[in-house]
Amino acid sequence: MHELGVTESILDIALTKAQEAEANRIIKVTVTLGELSGFVPECIEFYFESLSKDTIAENANLEFNLIKAQFQCRDCAKLSSSEDIVWTCPYCHSHNLEVVGGREFFVKDLEVE
């Protein structure tokens, strides 16, 4: 249910930026979303469709730029992606990992007319 609040924020950002651009219609909103953000794209789409009714964002395409998780080993300093890892460094087998990517969540682009 926490997707409702972030979807309201996405819509607010889109409407504010569209108004600043004196746009008549929002065609597409691109959101960058990391796999560790905790947000589910399908839930955001569901809420966006409902919340955007009767606004210039109604029927806008909501597109997601999905970012894989990325980890850096604190022992050997090598980077690994989520496909390579099960909380163990694939290079030195250390468990001393730091998340360095995949938590992203922001409105990247807006297409208006």
N, C-alpha and C. Protein backbone atom coordinates (compact mmCIF):
# COMPACT_ATOMS: atom_id res chain seq x y z
N MET A 1 0.81 -1.20 0.00
CA MET A 1 0.00 0.00 0.00
C MET A 1 0.85 1.26 0.00
N HIS A 2 2.14 1.14 0.34
CA HIS A 2 2.99 2.33 0.34
C HIS A 2 3.20 2.89 -1.06
N GLU A 3 2.82 2.12 -2.09
CA GLU A 3 2.91 2.63 -3.46
C GLU A 3 1.93 3.77 -3.71
N LEU A 4 0.84 3.84 -2.95
CA LEU A 4 -0.13 4.92 -3.12
C LEU A 4 0.54 6.28 -2.88
N GLY A 5 1.25 6.41 -1.80
CA GLY A 5 1.90 7.68 -1.47
C GLY A 5 2.96 8.09 -2.49
N VAL A 6 3.77 7.13 -2.92
CA VAL A 6 4.81 7.50 -3.90
C VAL A 6 4.19 7.78 -5.27
N THR A 7 3.08 7.12 -5.58
CA THR A 7 2.41 7.40 -6.85
C THR A 7 1.80 8.80 -6.83
N GLU A 8 1.27 9.21 -5.70
CA GLU A 8 0.78 10.59 -5.57
C GLU A 8 1.91 11.58 -5.80
N SER A 9 3.09 11.26 -5.29
CA SER A 9 4.25 12.13 -5.49
C SER A 9 4.68 12.17 -6.96
N ILE A 10 4.67 11.02 -7.61
CA ILE A 10 5.02 10.97 -9.04
C ILE A 10 4.07 11.86 -9.83
N LEU A 11 2.78 11.71 -9.57
CA LEU A 11 1.78 12.50 -10.28
C LEU A 11 1.94 13.99 -9.98
N ASP A 12 2.18 14.35 -8.72
CA ASP A 12 2.38 15.75 -8.35
C ASP A 12 3.57 16.36 -9.08
N ILE A 13 4.67 15.61 -9.15
CA ILE A 13 5.86 16.08 -9.86
C ILE A 13 5.55 16.28 -11.34
N ALA A 14 4.89 15.29 -11.93
CA ALA A 14 4.55 15.37 -13.36
C ALA A 14 3.64 16.56 -13.65
N LEU A 15 2.61 16.74 -12.84
CA LEU A 15 1.68 17.84 -13.06
C LEU A 15 2.35 19.20 -12.86
N THR A 16 3.19 19.31 -11.86
CA THR A 16 3.91 20.57 -11.60
C THR A 16 4.83 20.91 -12.76
N LYS A 17 5.61 19.95 -13.21
CA LYS A 17 6.54 20.19 -14.32
C LYS A 17 5.80 20.47 -15.62
N ALA A 18 4.70 19.80 -15.85
CA ALA A 18 3.90 20.04 -17.05
C ALA A 18 3.30 21.45 -17.02
N GLN A 19 2.85 21.87 -15.85
CA GLN A 19 2.30 23.22 -15.71
C GLN A 19 3.39 24.26 -15.97
N GLU A 20 4.60 24.02 -15.44
CA GLU A 20 5.72 24.94 -15.68
C GLU A 20 6.04 25.05 -17.17
N ALA A 21 5.86 23.95 -17.89
CA ALA A 21 6.13 23.92 -19.33
C ALA A 21 4.92 24.38 -20.15
N GLU A 22 3.83 24.75 -19.46
CA GLU A 22 2.59 25.17 -20.11
C GLU A 22 2.06 24.10 -21.07
N ALA A 23 2.16 22.85 -20.64
CA ALA A 23 1.73 21.71 -21.45
C ALA A 23 0.22 21.50 -21.31
N ASN A 24 -0.35 20.94 -22.35
CA ASN A 24 -1.77 20.61 -22.36
C ASN A 24 -2.04 19.16 -21.99
N ARG A 25 -0.99 18.33 -22.15
CA ARG A 25 -1.18 16.89 -21.92
C ARG A 25 0.16 16.26 -21.58
N ILE A 26 0.13 15.32 -20.66
CA ILE A 26 1.31 14.52 -20.34
C ILE A 26 1.17 13.22 -21.13
N ILE A 27 2.19 12.92 -21.92
CA ILE A 27 2.17 11.73 -22.76
C ILE A 27 2.85 10.56 -22.07
N LYS A 28 4.00 10.85 -21.44
CA LYS A 28 4.76 9.75 -20.82
C LYS A 28 5.52 10.26 -19.60
N VAL A 29 5.56 9.43 -18.58
CA VAL A 29 6.35 9.69 -17.38
C VAL A 29 7.30 8.51 -17.22
N THR A 30 8.60 8.79 -17.17
CA THR A 30 9.59 7.73 -16.98
C THR A 30 10.12 7.80 -15.55
N VAL A 31 10.04 6.68 -14.86
CA VAL A 31 10.47 6.58 -13.47
C VAL A 31 11.64 5.60 -13.39
N THR A 32 12.73 6.03 -12.76
CA THR A 32 13.85 5.14 -12.49
C THR A 32 13.58 4.46 -11.15
N LEU A 33 13.66 3.13 -11.16
CA LEU A 33 13.27 2.34 -10.01
C LEU A 33 14.28 1.22 -9.77
N GLY A 34 14.95 1.27 -8.64
CA GLY A 34 15.91 0.23 -8.27
C GLY A 34 15.21 -1.00 -7.71
N GLU A 35 15.79 -2.16 -7.98
CA GLU A 35 15.13 -3.39 -7.53
C GLU A 35 15.11 -3.53 -6.01
N LEU A 36 15.92 -2.76 -5.30
CA LEU A 36 15.91 -2.80 -3.83
C LEU A 36 15.09 -1.66 -3.23
N SER A 37 14.39 -0.90 -4.06
CA SER A 37 13.61 0.24 -3.56
C SER A 37 12.40 -0.21 -2.74
N GLY A 38 11.94 -1.41 -3.00
CA GLY A 38 10.77 -1.91 -2.28
C GLY A 38 9.45 -1.60 -2.95
N PHE A 39 9.50 -0.93 -4.11
CA PHE A 39 8.28 -0.56 -4.81
C PHE A 39 8.00 -1.51 -5.95
N VAL A 40 6.72 -1.80 -6.18
CA VAL A 40 6.28 -2.73 -7.22
C VAL A 40 5.70 -1.92 -8.39
N PRO A 41 6.34 -1.99 -9.57
CA PRO A 41 5.88 -1.20 -10.71
C PRO A 41 4.40 -1.38 -11.03
N GLU A 42 3.89 -2.60 -10.95
CA GLU A 42 2.48 -2.86 -11.28
C GLU A 42 1.54 -2.13 -10.32
N CYS A 43 1.92 -2.04 -9.06
CA CYS A 43 1.09 -1.32 -8.09
C CYS A 43 1.11 0.18 -8.38
N ILE A 44 2.28 0.71 -8.71
CA ILE A 44 2.39 2.13 -9.06
C ILE A 44 1.54 2.42 -10.29
N GLU A 45 1.60 1.55 -11.29
CA GLU A 45 0.79 1.73 -12.50
C GLU A 45 -0.70 1.74 -12.16
N PHE A 46 -1.12 0.82 -11.31
CA PHE A 46 -2.52 0.74 -10.91
C PHE A 46 -2.98 2.06 -10.27
N TYR A 47 -2.22 2.54 -9.29
CA TYR A 47 -2.58 3.78 -8.61
C TYR A 47 -2.49 4.98 -9.55
N PHE A 48 -1.49 5.00 -10.42
CA PHE A 48 -1.32 6.13 -11.35
C PHE A 48 -2.54 6.24 -12.26
N GLU A 49 -3.02 5.12 -12.75
CA GLU A 49 -4.19 5.14 -13.63
C GLU A 49 -5.40 5.74 -12.92
N SER A 50 -5.58 5.37 -11.68
CA SER A 50 -6.71 5.89 -10.90
C SER A 50 -6.53 7.36 -10.53
N LEU A 51 -5.35 7.71 -10.02
CA LEU A 51 -5.10 9.07 -9.55
C LEU A 51 -5.06 10.10 -10.67
N SER A 52 -4.66 9.68 -11.86
CA SER A 52 -4.50 10.63 -12.96
C SER A 52 -5.81 10.94 -13.70
N LYS A 53 -6.88 10.23 -13.35
CA LYS A 53 -8.17 10.48 -14.01
C LYS A 53 -8.56 11.96 -13.85
N ASP A 54 -9.08 12.51 -14.92
CA ASP A 54 -9.53 13.91 -14.96
C ASP A 54 -8.40 14.92 -14.77
N THR A 55 -7.17 14.51 -15.08
CA THR A 55 -6.03 15.43 -15.09
C THR A 55 -5.40 15.37 -16.47
N ILE A 56 -4.42 16.23 -16.72
CA ILE A 56 -3.73 16.19 -18.02
C ILE A 56 -2.81 14.98 -18.14
N ALA A 57 -2.70 14.21 -17.06
CA ALA A 57 -1.89 12.98 -17.09
C ALA A 57 -2.74 11.74 -17.36
N GLU A 58 -4.04 11.93 -17.50
CA GLU A 58 -4.91 10.78 -17.78
C GLU A 58 -4.47 10.13 -19.09
N ASN A 59 -4.36 8.82 -19.09
CA ASN A 59 -3.91 8.01 -20.22
C ASN A 59 -2.42 8.18 -20.56
N ALA A 60 -1.67 8.83 -19.69
CA ALA A 60 -0.22 8.93 -19.91
C ALA A 60 0.41 7.55 -19.74
N ASN A 61 1.45 7.31 -20.51
CA ASN A 61 2.20 6.06 -20.41
C ASN A 61 3.19 6.19 -19.25
N LEU A 62 3.14 5.28 -18.31
CA LEU A 62 4.07 5.25 -17.19
C LEU A 62 5.11 4.19 -17.51
N GLU A 63 6.35 4.63 -17.68
CA GLU A 63 7.44 3.74 -18.08
C GLU A 63 8.45 3.64 -16.94
N PHE A 64 9.00 2.44 -16.75
CA PHE A 64 9.96 2.23 -15.67
C PHE A 64 11.32 1.87 -16.24
N ASN A 65 12.33 2.55 -15.74
CA ASN A 65 13.73 2.25 -16.03
C ASN A 65 14.22 1.48 -14.81
N LEU A 66 14.26 0.15 -14.92
CA LEU A 66 14.57 -0.70 -13.77
C LEU A 66 16.08 -0.85 -13.61
N ILE A 67 16.56 -0.63 -12.39
CA ILE A 67 17.99 -0.68 -12.08
C ILE A 67 18.25 -1.90 -11.20
N LYS A 68 19.18 -2.73 -11.64
CA LYS A 68 19.57 -3.92 -10.85
C LYS A 68 20.36 -3.49 -9.62
N ALA A 69 20.29 -4.31 -8.60
CA ALA A 69 21.09 -4.08 -7.40
C ALA A 69 22.56 -4.27 -7.73
N GLN A 70 23.40 -3.45 -7.10
CA GLN A 70 24.84 -3.58 -7.28
C GLN A 70 25.50 -3.50 -5.91
N PHE A 71 26.48 -4.36 -5.73
CA PHE A 71 27.16 -4.47 -4.45
C PHE A 71 28.66 -4.28 -4.64
N GLN A 72 29.30 -3.72 -3.61
CA GLN A 72 30.76 -3.64 -3.62
C GLN A 72 31.28 -4.36 -2.39
N CYS A 73 32.26 -5.21 -2.62
CA CYS A 73 32.87 -5.95 -1.52
C CYS A 73 33.80 -5.00 -0.76
N ARG A 74 33.64 -4.94 0.54
CA ARG A 74 34.49 -4.09 1.37
C ARG A 74 35.88 -4.70 1.57
N ASP A 75 36.04 -5.97 1.22
CA ASP A 75 37.33 -6.61 1.38
C ASP A 75 38.18 -6.54 0.12
N CYS A 76 37.61 -6.88 -1.04
CA CYS A 76 38.40 -6.88 -2.28
C CYS A 76 38.05 -5.71 -3.20
N ALA A 77 37.01 -4.93 -2.85
CA ALA A 77 36.58 -3.72 -3.57
C ALA A 77 35.97 -3.99 -4.94
N LYS A 78 35.72 -5.24 -5.30
CA LYS A 78 35.12 -5.54 -6.60
C LYS A 78 33.61 -5.34 -6.55
N LEU A 79 33.06 -4.96 -7.72
CA LEU A 79 31.62 -4.75 -7.85
C LEU A 79 30.94 -6.02 -8.37
N SER A 80 29.73 -6.25 -7.89
CA SER A 80 28.93 -7.39 -8.34
C SER A 80 27.50 -6.92 -8.52
N SER A 81 26.80 -7.56 -9.44
CA SER A 81 25.38 -7.25 -9.62
C SER A 81 24.56 -8.31 -8.92
N SER A 82 23.26 -8.08 -8.88
CA SER A 82 22.38 -9.01 -8.16
C SER A 82 22.34 -10.39 -8.82
N GLU A 83 22.67 -10.46 -10.13
CA GLU A 83 22.68 -11.79 -10.77
C GLU A 83 23.87 -12.63 -10.29
N ASP A 84 24.93 -11.96 -9.85
CA ASP A 84 26.16 -12.65 -9.47
C ASP A 84 26.20 -13.06 -8.01
N ILE A 85 25.26 -12.65 -7.22
CA ILE A 85 25.48 -12.65 -5.79
C ILE A 85 24.33 -13.25 -4.99
N VAL A 86 24.69 -13.89 -3.93
CA VAL A 86 23.74 -14.32 -2.92
C VAL A 86 24.32 -13.89 -1.58
N TRP A 87 24.51 -12.57 -1.44
CA TRP A 87 25.09 -11.94 -0.26
C TRP A 87 26.49 -12.45 0.09
N THR A 88 27.18 -12.96 -0.93
CA THR A 88 28.58 -13.36 -0.80
C THR A 88 29.31 -12.85 -2.02
N CYS A 89 30.47 -12.28 -1.83
CA CYS A 89 31.25 -11.78 -2.96
C CYS A 89 31.64 -12.95 -3.86
N PRO A 90 31.34 -12.87 -5.15
CA PRO A 90 31.68 -13.97 -6.05
C PRO A 90 33.19 -14.07 -6.33
N TYR A 91 33.95 -13.06 -5.90
CA TYR A 91 35.39 -13.05 -6.16
C TYR A 91 36.20 -13.58 -4.97
N CYS A 92 35.94 -13.03 -3.76
CA CYS A 92 36.74 -13.45 -2.59
C CYS A 92 35.90 -14.19 -1.55
N HIS A 93 34.60 -14.33 -1.80
CA HIS A 93 33.65 -15.05 -0.95
C HIS A 93 33.41 -14.40 0.42
N SER A 94 33.74 -13.14 0.53
CA SER A 94 33.48 -12.38 1.75
C SER A 94 31.98 -12.09 1.86
N HIS A 95 31.53 -11.91 3.09
CA HIS A 95 30.15 -11.51 3.34
C HIS A 95 30.07 -10.02 3.67
N ASN A 96 31.18 -9.33 3.53
CA ASN A 96 31.30 -7.92 3.88
C ASN A 96 30.96 -7.05 2.67
N LEU A 97 29.68 -6.97 2.33
CA LEU A 97 29.23 -6.28 1.12
C LEU A 97 28.49 -5.00 1.46
N GLU A 98 28.60 -4.05 0.57
CA GLU A 98 27.88 -2.79 0.69
C GLU A 98 27.00 -2.60 -0.54
N VAL A 99 25.76 -2.20 -0.33
CA VAL A 99 24.86 -1.92 -1.45
C VAL A 99 25.27 -0.56 -2.03
N VAL A 100 25.60 -0.53 -3.32
CA VAL A 100 26.00 0.73 -3.98
C VAL A 100 25.06 1.10 -5.13
N GLY A 101 24.06 0.30 -5.39
CA GLY A 101 23.08 0.61 -6.43
C GLY A 101 21.86 -0.27 -6.30
N GLY A 102 20.74 0.24 -6.80
CA GLY A 102 19.52 -0.54 -6.77
C GLY A 102 18.46 0.00 -5.83
N ARG A 103 18.79 1.10 -5.14
CA ARG A 103 17.80 1.73 -4.25
C ARG A 103 17.16 2.96 -4.89
N GLU A 104 17.52 3.26 -6.11
CA GLU A 104 17.06 4.47 -6.78
C GLU A 104 15.54 4.51 -6.91
N PHE A 105 15.02 5.72 -6.84
CA PHE A 105 13.60 5.95 -7.09
C PHE A 105 13.41 7.43 -7.38
N PHE A 106 13.17 7.77 -8.65
CA PHE A 106 12.94 9.17 -9.01
C PHE A 106 12.29 9.26 -10.38
N VAL A 107 11.64 10.41 -10.63
CA VAL A 107 11.07 10.70 -11.94
C VAL A 107 12.22 11.15 -12.82
N LYS A 108 12.47 10.39 -13.88
CA LYS A 108 13.62 10.67 -14.76
C LYS A 108 13.25 11.61 -15.89
N ASP A 109 12.16 11.34 -16.58
CA ASP A 109 11.76 12.12 -17.76
C ASP A 109 10.25 12.32 -17.77
N LEU A 110 9.89 13.35 -18.51
CA LEU A 110 8.48 13.66 -18.70
C LEU A 110 8.31 14.10 -20.14
N GLU A 111 7.38 13.48 -20.86
CA GLU A 111 7.08 13.87 -22.23
C GLU A 111 5.70 14.51 -22.24
N VAL A 112 5.64 15.74 -22.74
CA VAL A 112 4.38 16.49 -22.76
C VAL A 112 4.11 17.06 -24.14
N GLU A 113 2.91 17.56 -24.33
CA GLU A 113 2.60 18.28 -25.56
C GLU A 113 1.69 19.46 -25.21
